[in-house]
Protein backbone atom coordinates (compact mmCIF):
# COMPACT_ATOMS: atom_id res chain seq x y z
CA MET A 1 -11.17 -34.73 15.97
CA LEU A 2 -13.86 -33.21 13.74
CA ALA A 3 -13.36 -29.85 15.48
CA ARG A 4 -9.61 -29.93 14.71
CA PHE A 5 -10.31 -30.81 11.10
CA LEU A 6 -12.80 -27.95 10.70
CA ALA A 7 -10.41 -25.50 12.40
CA ALA A 8 -7.57 -26.56 10.08
CA LEU A 9 -9.85 -26.28 7.06
CA PHE A 10 -10.99 -22.80 8.14
CA LEU A 11 -7.40 -21.61 8.60
CA ALA A 12 -6.42 -23.04 5.23
CA LEU A 13 -9.24 -21.15 3.49
CA ILE A 14 -8.45 -17.72 4.99
CA PRO A 15 -5.64 -16.89 2.52
CA ALA A 16 -7.88 -17.92 -0.40
CA ALA A 17 -10.62 -15.61 0.80
CA ALA A 18 -8.31 -12.65 1.43
CA PRO A 19 -8.24 -10.03 -1.33
CA ALA A 20 -5.34 -10.30 -3.74
CA GLU A 21 -2.55 -7.82 -3.10
CA THR A 22 -2.51 -4.97 -5.55
CA SER A 23 0.49 -2.94 -6.52
CA THR A 24 0.66 0.48 -4.97
CA GLN A 25 2.94 1.78 -7.72
CA PRO A 26 1.00 3.90 -10.20
CA LEU A 27 0.87 3.73 -13.97
CA ILE A 28 3.57 6.14 -15.12
CA TYR A 29 4.06 8.02 -18.37
CA VAL A 30 7.46 9.55 -19.18
CA MET A 31 8.13 11.90 -22.05
CA ARG A 32 10.65 14.43 -23.22
CA HIS A 33 9.52 18.04 -23.56
CA LEU A 34 8.21 18.89 -27.00
CA ASN A 35 9.83 20.68 -29.96
CA THR A 36 12.36 23.39 -29.19
CA PRO A 37 15.14 25.08 -31.14
CA ALA A 38 18.60 23.57 -30.72
CA GLY A 39 21.35 25.22 -28.74
CA GLU A 40 19.35 27.43 -26.35
CA ARG A 41 19.48 26.97 -22.56
CA ASP A 42 15.81 27.56 -21.72
CA PRO A 43 13.84 28.05 -24.94
CA ASP A 44 10.11 28.29 -25.44
CA LEU A 45 8.41 25.56 -27.44
CA LEU A 46 8.33 26.03 -31.20
CA PRO A 47 4.89 26.30 -32.86
CA GLU A 48 4.89 22.55 -33.65
CA GLY A 49 5.73 21.83 -30.01
CA ARG A 50 2.79 23.96 -28.86
CA GLU A 51 0.50 22.10 -31.30
CA THR A 52 1.67 18.74 -29.97
CA ALA A 53 1.19 19.95 -26.38
CA GLU A 54 -2.44 20.65 -27.27
CA ALA A 55 -2.71 17.12 -28.73
CA LEU A 56 -1.17 15.72 -25.52
CA ALA A 57 -4.07 17.23 -23.56
CA ALA A 58 -6.46 14.86 -25.37
CA TRP A 59 -4.10 11.89 -25.75
CA PHE A 60 -4.65 9.97 -22.50
CA PRO A 61 -7.36 7.30 -22.23
CA ALA A 62 -10.21 8.29 -19.90
CA ASP A 63 -9.21 5.65 -17.32
CA ALA A 64 -5.51 6.60 -17.30
CA GLN A 65 -5.43 10.39 -17.18
CA PRO A 66 -2.70 11.73 -14.91
CA THR A 67 -3.61 12.72 -11.39
CA VAL A 68 -0.25 14.45 -11.01
CA ILE A 69 2.26 15.89 -13.49
CA TYR A 70 5.97 16.32 -12.75
CA VAL A 71 8.04 18.85 -14.71
CA SER A 72 11.56 20.18 -14.39
CA ASP A 73 11.94 23.92 -13.80
CA PHE A 74 12.42 24.83 -17.46
CA LYS A 75 10.00 26.66 -19.75
CA ARG A 76 9.93 23.82 -22.28
CA THR A 77 8.76 21.18 -19.78
CA ARG A 78 6.20 23.49 -18.18
CA GLN A 79 4.88 24.54 -21.61
CA THR A 80 4.66 20.88 -22.71
CA ALA A 81 2.48 20.02 -19.72
CA ALA A 82 0.46 23.27 -19.55
CA PRO A 83 -2.53 22.40 -21.80
CA LEU A 84 -2.99 19.00 -20.13
CA ALA A 85 -2.61 20.47 -16.64
CA ALA A 86 -5.17 23.18 -17.44
CA ARG A 87 -7.63 20.62 -18.85
CA LEU A 88 -7.29 18.41 -15.76
CA GLY A 89 -7.14 21.26 -13.24
CA LEU A 90 -3.67 20.24 -12.02
CA THR A 91 -0.69 22.28 -10.92
CA PRO A 92 2.49 20.54 -12.12
CA VAL A 93 5.01 19.55 -9.45
CA VAL A 94 8.57 20.76 -10.11
CA TYR A 95 11.35 18.18 -9.68
CA ASP A 96 15.13 18.34 -9.89
CA PRO A 97 16.23 16.61 -13.13
CA ALA A 98 19.64 15.95 -11.56
CA ASP A 99 18.08 13.77 -8.82
CA THR A 100 16.38 10.81 -10.53
CA PRO A 101 16.26 8.67 -7.35
CA ALA A 102 14.29 11.36 -5.48
CA LEU A 103 11.90 11.79 -8.42
CA VAL A 104 11.31 8.03 -8.69
CA ALA A 105 10.64 7.76 -4.94
CA ARG A 106 8.08 10.57 -5.09
CA VAL A 107 6.39 9.18 -8.19
CA GLN A 108 6.16 5.64 -6.81
CA ALA A 109 4.36 7.01 -3.75
CA GLU A 110 1.59 8.53 -5.90
CA ARG A 111 -1.79 6.80 -6.07
CA GLY A 112 -2.98 7.51 -9.62
CA PRO A 113 -1.46 7.75 -13.09
CA VAL A 114 1.53 10.07 -13.31
CA LEU A 115 3.10 12.04 -16.17
CA ILE A 116 6.76 13.02 -15.99
CA VAL A 117 8.04 15.55 -18.52
CA GLY A 118 11.81 15.36 -18.79
CA HIS A 119 14.70 15.91 -21.16
CA SER A 120 16.67 13.94 -23.75
CA ASN A 121 19.36 13.20 -21.16
CA THR A 122 16.96 12.21 -18.35
CA VAL A 123 14.11 10.23 -19.94
CA PRO A 124 16.10 6.99 -20.48
CA ASP A 125 17.37 7.05 -16.87
CA ILE A 126 13.90 7.76 -15.47
CA VAL A 127 12.24 4.94 -17.43
CA ALA A 128 14.97 2.50 -16.36
CA ALA A 129 14.84 3.63 -12.70
CA LEU A 130 11.08 2.96 -12.72
CA GLY A 131 11.81 -0.65 -13.71
CA GLY A 132 10.95 -0.17 -17.38
CA THR A 133 12.93 -1.05 -20.48
CA ARG A 134 15.52 1.68 -21.00
CA PRO A 135 14.90 3.67 -24.20
CA ALA A 136 17.75 4.27 -26.61
CA ALA A 137 19.60 7.56 -26.21
CA LEU A 138 17.54 10.50 -27.43
CA VAL A 139 18.87 13.10 -29.85
CA HIS A 140 17.66 16.66 -30.36
CA GLU A 141 15.14 15.71 -33.06
CA ASP A 142 13.39 13.12 -30.83
CA PHE A 143 10.15 14.86 -29.88
CA GLY A 144 6.64 13.56 -29.33
CA GLU A 145 7.28 10.09 -27.92
CA ILE A 146 5.89 8.90 -24.61
CA TRP A 147 6.78 5.79 -22.61
CA ARG A 148 4.17 4.03 -20.48
CA VAL A 149 5.61 2.05 -17.57
CA THR A 150 3.23 -0.26 -15.71
CA PRO A 151 3.78 -1.38 -12.11
CA ASP A 152 5.26 -4.69 -13.33
CA GLY A 153 7.82 -2.83 -15.50
CA ALA A 154 6.14 -3.50 -18.85
CA THR A 155 7.11 -0.63 -21.11
CA ALA A 156 5.35 0.61 -24.22
CA ARG A 157 6.36 3.51 -26.43
CA ALA A 158 3.82 5.61 -28.33
CA ARG A 159 3.80 8.80 -30.36
CA ILE A 160 1.61 11.77 -29.65
CA ALA A 161 -0.06 12.64 -32.95
CA GLN A 162 -0.90 16.24 -33.75
């Protein structure tokens, strides 16, 4: 009888002793490319966009710096990420901005913090697809904001100061 009791007690304690499950989804940052002129298909960043890109390189907290950066295949997204990528020794990964589900699947498989540089028409969809609170529609003048989406979907918006 005592042996059964001790066996039952032992089995009951195993789940309490097991390590808590941790989320495998990384911390994700989503932003629109920085300042560009209106009406051009694939413009370079304007001087203020280049300045903010330099500020982005120093913006991330030490414990949440991206281990991978995703950019679309446009000059403005690559130029936005370039100073940060150079500082961290990363080569940005190019994604198809027309395929949000594929991007989200790739990003959720990453192990460390991720930065996604998108566009005014993709950022709200990306944030929502990651389980975050969908941002309002972005207009041309909306530059310099970044959304942080945690594994539980908590979403915070910040501004990158120059």
